[in-house]
Amino acid sequence: MPARPSSTSTASSAAVLTAFLTVKDAADYLGLSHHTLYVWRHRRQGPPSFRMGPRGRVMYRAEALDAWVREQEQADSRSNLALNPLSADPQQRIRPSA
């Protein structure tokens, strides 16, 4: 009778499965269409991805997706008050001397 996998090996394999996501899993994780991720990859936009394995499957690291989402939040003026034009002091006009 084969030995049952220990809970530590099951936990570590689950961690590996969640560390690397397929295009479909990454799309589900981000709430996007997998087609959007393919288009972004083709245009060299979106979260970083890479090919893995002998078949060259496109994969995403879960931590890279989280970092990419944080970058998007910081680049958006609605989320980053430093970029929001409404939070800046109004500029004074300088009148040219005659």
N, C-alpha and C. Protein backbone atom coordinates (compact mmCIF):
# COMPACT_ATOMS: atom_id res chain seq x y z
N MET A 1 0.85 -1.18 0.00
CA MET A 1 0.00 0.00 0.00
C MET A 1 0.89 1.24 0.00
N PRO A 2 0.65 2.20 -0.92
CA PRO A 2 1.50 3.39 -0.99
C PRO A 2 1.32 4.25 0.25
N ALA A 3 2.41 4.92 0.60
CA ALA A 3 2.37 5.81 1.76
C ALA A 3 1.59 7.06 1.42
N ARG A 4 0.85 7.57 2.39
CA ARG A 4 0.10 8.81 2.19
C ARG A 4 1.07 9.99 2.28
N PRO A 5 0.85 11.01 1.48
CA PRO A 5 1.71 12.18 1.59
C PRO A 5 1.48 12.86 2.94
N SER A 6 2.55 13.33 3.50
CA SER A 6 2.42 14.02 4.79
C SER A 6 1.77 15.37 4.58
N SER A 7 1.26 15.94 5.66
CA SER A 7 0.60 17.23 5.55
C SER A 7 1.58 18.33 5.17
N THR A 8 2.86 18.18 5.53
CA THR A 8 3.85 19.20 5.15
C THR A 8 4.12 19.17 3.67
N SER A 9 4.18 17.97 3.05
CA SER A 9 4.41 17.92 1.61
C SER A 9 3.18 18.43 0.86
N THR A 10 2.00 18.17 1.38
CA THR A 10 0.77 18.69 0.77
C THR A 10 0.73 20.20 0.87
N ALA A 11 1.13 20.73 2.01
CA ALA A 11 1.13 22.18 2.19
C ALA A 11 2.16 22.84 1.29
N SER A 12 3.34 22.21 1.14
CA SER A 12 4.36 22.82 0.29
C SER A 12 3.96 22.75 -1.18
N SER A 13 3.30 21.67 -1.62
CA SER A 13 2.86 21.61 -3.01
C SER A 13 1.73 22.60 -3.25
N ALA A 14 0.89 22.84 -2.25
CA ALA A 14 -0.16 23.85 -2.40
C ALA A 14 0.46 25.23 -2.51
N ALA A 15 1.54 25.46 -1.77
CA ALA A 15 2.22 26.76 -1.85
C ALA A 15 2.83 26.97 -3.22
N VAL A 16 3.39 25.91 -3.80
CA VAL A 16 3.95 26.00 -5.15
C VAL A 16 2.85 26.28 -6.16
N LEU A 17 1.71 25.60 -5.99
CA LEU A 17 0.61 25.82 -6.93
C LEU A 17 0.09 27.24 -6.87
N THR A 18 0.08 27.86 -5.71
CA THR A 18 -0.40 29.23 -5.63
C THR A 18 0.69 30.24 -5.93
N ALA A 19 1.97 29.84 -5.88
CA ALA A 19 3.06 30.76 -6.19
C ALA A 19 3.14 31.03 -7.69
N PHE A 20 2.81 30.03 -8.50
CA PHE A 20 2.83 30.16 -9.96
C PHE A 20 1.42 29.97 -10.49
N LEU A 21 0.96 30.93 -11.27
CA LEU A 21 -0.40 30.89 -11.79
C LEU A 21 -0.38 30.81 -13.31
N THR A 22 -1.27 30.03 -13.86
CA THR A 22 -1.45 30.00 -15.31
C THR A 22 -2.15 31.30 -15.73
N VAL A 23 -2.27 31.49 -17.04
CA VAL A 23 -2.95 32.69 -17.53
C VAL A 23 -4.39 32.73 -17.03
N LYS A 24 -5.07 31.59 -17.08
CA LYS A 24 -6.46 31.55 -16.61
C LYS A 24 -6.54 31.86 -15.12
N ASP A 25 -5.66 31.26 -14.32
CA ASP A 25 -5.68 31.51 -12.87
C ASP A 25 -5.32 32.96 -12.55
N ALA A 26 -4.34 33.51 -13.28
CA ALA A 26 -3.94 34.90 -13.06
C ALA A 26 -5.09 35.84 -13.44
N ALA A 27 -5.78 35.53 -14.52
CA ALA A 27 -6.93 36.35 -14.94
C ALA A 27 -8.02 36.31 -13.88
N ASP A 28 -8.30 35.12 -13.36
CA ASP A 28 -9.30 34.99 -12.29
C ASP A 28 -8.85 35.77 -11.05
N TYR A 29 -7.59 35.67 -10.73
CA TYR A 29 -7.03 36.34 -9.55
C TYR A 29 -7.18 37.86 -9.66
N LEU A 30 -6.96 38.38 -10.88
CA LEU A 30 -7.05 39.84 -11.10
C LEU A 30 -8.46 40.29 -11.47
N GLY A 31 -9.35 39.36 -11.74
CA GLY A 31 -10.70 39.73 -12.14
C GLY A 31 -10.76 40.23 -13.57
N LEU A 32 -9.90 39.68 -14.41
CA LEU A 32 -9.83 40.08 -15.82
C LEU A 32 -10.12 38.89 -16.72
N SER A 33 -10.28 39.17 -17.98
CA SER A 33 -10.40 38.12 -18.98
C SER A 33 -9.01 37.58 -19.29
N HIS A 34 -8.91 36.28 -19.56
CA HIS A 34 -7.61 35.73 -19.94
C HIS A 34 -7.16 36.32 -21.28
N HIS A 35 -8.12 36.69 -22.11
CA HIS A 35 -7.79 37.33 -23.39
C HIS A 35 -7.07 38.66 -23.14
N THR A 36 -7.51 39.42 -22.14
CA THR A 36 -6.85 40.69 -21.80
C THR A 36 -5.40 40.45 -21.44
N LEU A 37 -5.12 39.42 -20.64
CA LEU A 37 -3.73 39.13 -20.27
C LEU A 37 -2.90 38.74 -21.49
N TYR A 38 -3.48 37.98 -22.42
CA TYR A 38 -2.75 37.62 -23.64
C TYR A 38 -2.44 38.87 -24.47
N VAL A 39 -3.40 39.77 -24.58
CA VAL A 39 -3.18 41.00 -25.35
C VAL A 39 -2.11 41.85 -24.68
N TRP A 40 -2.20 42.01 -23.36
CA TRP A 40 -1.19 42.79 -22.64
C TRP A 40 0.19 42.16 -22.81
N ARG A 41 0.27 40.84 -22.74
CA ARG A 41 1.57 40.18 -22.90
C ARG A 41 2.12 40.44 -24.29
N HIS A 42 1.27 40.34 -25.31
CA HIS A 42 1.70 40.60 -26.68
C HIS A 42 2.20 42.04 -26.83
N ARG A 43 1.56 42.98 -26.17
CA ARG A 43 1.95 44.40 -26.25
C ARG A 43 3.04 44.78 -25.25
N ARG A 44 3.50 43.79 -24.46
CA ARG A 44 4.50 44.01 -23.41
C ARG A 44 3.99 45.00 -22.36
N GLN A 45 2.72 44.83 -22.01
CA GLN A 45 2.08 45.62 -20.96
C GLN A 45 1.65 44.66 -19.87
N GLY A 46 1.06 45.18 -18.82
CA GLY A 46 0.48 44.33 -17.79
C GLY A 46 1.52 43.73 -16.87
N PRO A 47 1.09 42.79 -16.06
CA PRO A 47 1.98 42.19 -15.07
C PRO A 47 3.05 41.33 -15.74
N PRO A 48 4.21 41.19 -15.08
CA PRO A 48 5.29 40.39 -15.66
C PRO A 48 4.91 38.90 -15.71
N SER A 49 5.28 38.27 -16.82
CA SER A 49 5.01 36.84 -17.00
C SER A 49 6.25 36.20 -17.59
N PHE A 50 6.24 34.88 -17.64
CA PHE A 50 7.37 34.14 -18.19
C PHE A 50 6.89 32.79 -18.68
N ARG A 51 7.72 32.13 -19.45
CA ARG A 51 7.40 30.78 -19.93
C ARG A 51 8.12 29.78 -19.04
N MET A 52 7.41 28.69 -18.71
CA MET A 52 7.98 27.70 -17.81
C MET A 52 7.67 26.29 -18.33
N GLY A 53 8.61 25.41 -18.15
CA GLY A 53 8.40 24.01 -18.48
C GLY A 53 8.72 23.68 -19.92
N PRO A 54 8.72 22.40 -20.22
CA PRO A 54 9.08 21.96 -21.57
C PRO A 54 8.09 22.41 -22.64
N ARG A 55 6.85 22.65 -22.24
CA ARG A 55 5.84 23.11 -23.21
C ARG A 55 5.77 24.63 -23.29
N GLY A 56 6.54 25.31 -22.45
CA GLY A 56 6.59 26.77 -22.50
C GLY A 56 5.30 27.46 -22.12
N ARG A 57 4.65 26.94 -21.06
CA ARG A 57 3.40 27.56 -20.62
C ARG A 57 3.67 28.93 -20.04
N VAL A 58 2.81 29.88 -20.35
CA VAL A 58 2.92 31.22 -19.80
C VAL A 58 2.46 31.17 -18.35
N MET A 59 3.29 31.70 -17.46
CA MET A 59 3.01 31.65 -16.03
C MET A 59 3.20 33.03 -15.42
N TYR A 60 2.58 33.23 -14.28
CA TYR A 60 2.68 34.46 -13.51
C TYR A 60 3.02 34.08 -12.07
N ARG A 61 3.84 34.87 -11.42
CA ARG A 61 4.08 34.70 -9.99
C ARG A 61 3.00 35.49 -9.26
N ALA A 62 2.41 34.88 -8.24
CA ALA A 62 1.37 35.56 -7.46
C ALA A 62 1.92 36.83 -6.82
N GLU A 63 3.14 36.77 -6.31
CA GLU A 63 3.74 37.96 -5.68
C GLU A 63 3.98 39.07 -6.70
N ALA A 64 4.29 38.71 -7.95
CA ALA A 64 4.47 39.72 -9.00
C ALA A 64 3.14 40.38 -9.36
N LEU A 65 2.06 39.60 -9.34
CA LEU A 65 0.74 40.18 -9.60
C LEU A 65 0.37 41.18 -8.52
N ASP A 66 0.63 40.82 -7.26
CA ASP A 66 0.34 41.74 -6.15
C ASP A 66 1.16 43.02 -6.27
N ALA A 67 2.44 42.88 -6.60
CA ALA A 67 3.31 44.06 -6.76
C ALA A 67 2.83 44.92 -7.92
N TRP A 68 2.41 44.29 -9.01
CA TRP A 68 1.93 45.04 -10.17
C TRP A 68 0.65 45.81 -9.83
N VAL A 69 -0.25 45.20 -9.07
CA VAL A 69 -1.47 45.89 -8.65
C VAL A 69 -1.12 47.09 -7.78
N ARG A 70 -0.17 46.93 -6.86
CA ARG A 70 0.26 48.07 -6.02
C ARG A 70 0.83 49.20 -6.88
N GLU A 71 1.61 48.85 -7.92
CA GLU A 71 2.15 49.87 -8.82
C GLU A 71 1.03 50.61 -9.54
N GLN A 72 0.00 49.88 -9.95
CA GLN A 72 -1.13 50.51 -10.63
C GLN A 72 -1.85 51.47 -9.69
N GLU A 73 -1.99 51.08 -8.43
CA GLU A 73 -2.64 51.95 -7.45
C GLU A 73 -1.84 53.23 -7.24
N GLN A 74 -0.51 53.10 -7.17
CA GLN A 74 0.34 54.26 -6.94
C GLN A 74 0.39 55.18 -8.16
N ALA A 75 0.18 54.64 -9.34
CA ALA A 75 0.22 55.43 -10.57
C ALA A 75 -1.11 56.14 -10.83
N ASP A 76 -2.14 55.81 -10.10
CA ASP A 76 -3.47 56.38 -10.30
C ASP A 76 -3.65 57.57 -9.36
N SER A 77 -3.96 58.72 -9.91
CA SER A 77 -4.08 59.93 -9.10
C SER A 77 -5.24 59.87 -8.11
N ARG A 78 -6.21 59.00 -8.37
CA ARG A 78 -7.33 58.88 -7.43
C ARG A 78 -6.92 58.12 -6.18
N SER A 79 -5.92 57.24 -6.29
CA SER A 79 -5.46 56.46 -5.15
C SER A 79 -4.24 57.09 -4.48
N ASN A 80 -3.45 57.82 -5.24
CA ASN A 80 -2.22 58.41 -4.73
C ASN A 80 -2.42 59.92 -4.62
N LEU A 81 -2.58 60.40 -3.41
CA LEU A 81 -2.87 61.82 -3.21
C LEU A 81 -1.74 62.72 -3.70
N ALA A 82 -0.52 62.22 -3.74
CA ALA A 82 0.59 63.03 -4.23
C ALA A 82 0.44 63.34 -5.72
N LEU A 83 -0.27 62.50 -6.45
CA LEU A 83 -0.48 62.72 -7.88
C LEU A 83 -1.79 63.44 -8.19
N ASN A 84 -2.64 63.58 -7.18
CA ASN A 84 -3.95 64.19 -7.38
C ASN A 84 -3.80 65.70 -7.54
N PRO A 85 -4.19 66.25 -8.69
CA PRO A 85 -4.04 67.69 -8.89
C PRO A 85 -4.87 68.53 -7.92
N LEU A 86 -5.91 67.96 -7.37
CA LEU A 86 -6.74 68.72 -6.44
C LEU A 86 -6.11 68.87 -5.07
N SER A 87 -5.11 68.06 -4.77
CA SER A 87 -4.45 68.16 -3.47
C SER A 87 -3.27 69.12 -3.49
N ALA A 88 -2.90 69.62 -4.67
CA ALA A 88 -1.77 70.55 -4.78
C ALA A 88 -2.23 71.96 -4.47
N ASP A 89 -1.31 72.75 -3.96
CA ASP A 89 -1.61 74.16 -3.72
C ASP A 89 -1.81 74.86 -5.06
N PRO A 90 -2.76 75.79 -5.11
CA PRO A 90 -2.98 76.50 -6.37
C PRO A 90 -1.75 77.33 -6.73
N GLN A 91 -1.46 77.38 -8.01
CA GLN A 91 -0.32 78.16 -8.47
C GLN A 91 -0.75 79.61 -8.65
N GLN A 92 0.17 80.51 -8.36
CA GLN A 92 -0.08 81.93 -8.53
C GLN A 92 0.42 82.36 -9.91
N ARG A 93 -0.34 83.21 -10.54
CA ARG A 93 0.10 83.74 -11.83
C ARG A 93 1.15 84.80 -11.61
N ILE A 94 2.12 84.76 -12.44
CA ILE A 94 3.15 85.79 -12.39
C ILE A 94 2.87 86.75 -13.54
N ARG A 95 2.65 88.01 -13.16
CA ARG A 95 2.35 89.00 -14.19
C ARG A 95 3.66 89.58 -14.70
N PRO A 96 3.77 89.62 -16.01
CA PRO A 96 5.01 90.20 -16.57
C PRO A 96 5.07 91.70 -16.25
N SER A 97 6.27 92.14 -15.96
CA SER A 97 6.42 93.58 -15.70
C SER A 97 6.41 94.32 -17.03
N ALA A 98 5.83 95.48 -17.01
CA ALA A 98 5.64 96.25 -18.24
C ALA A 98 6.87 96.96 -18.67
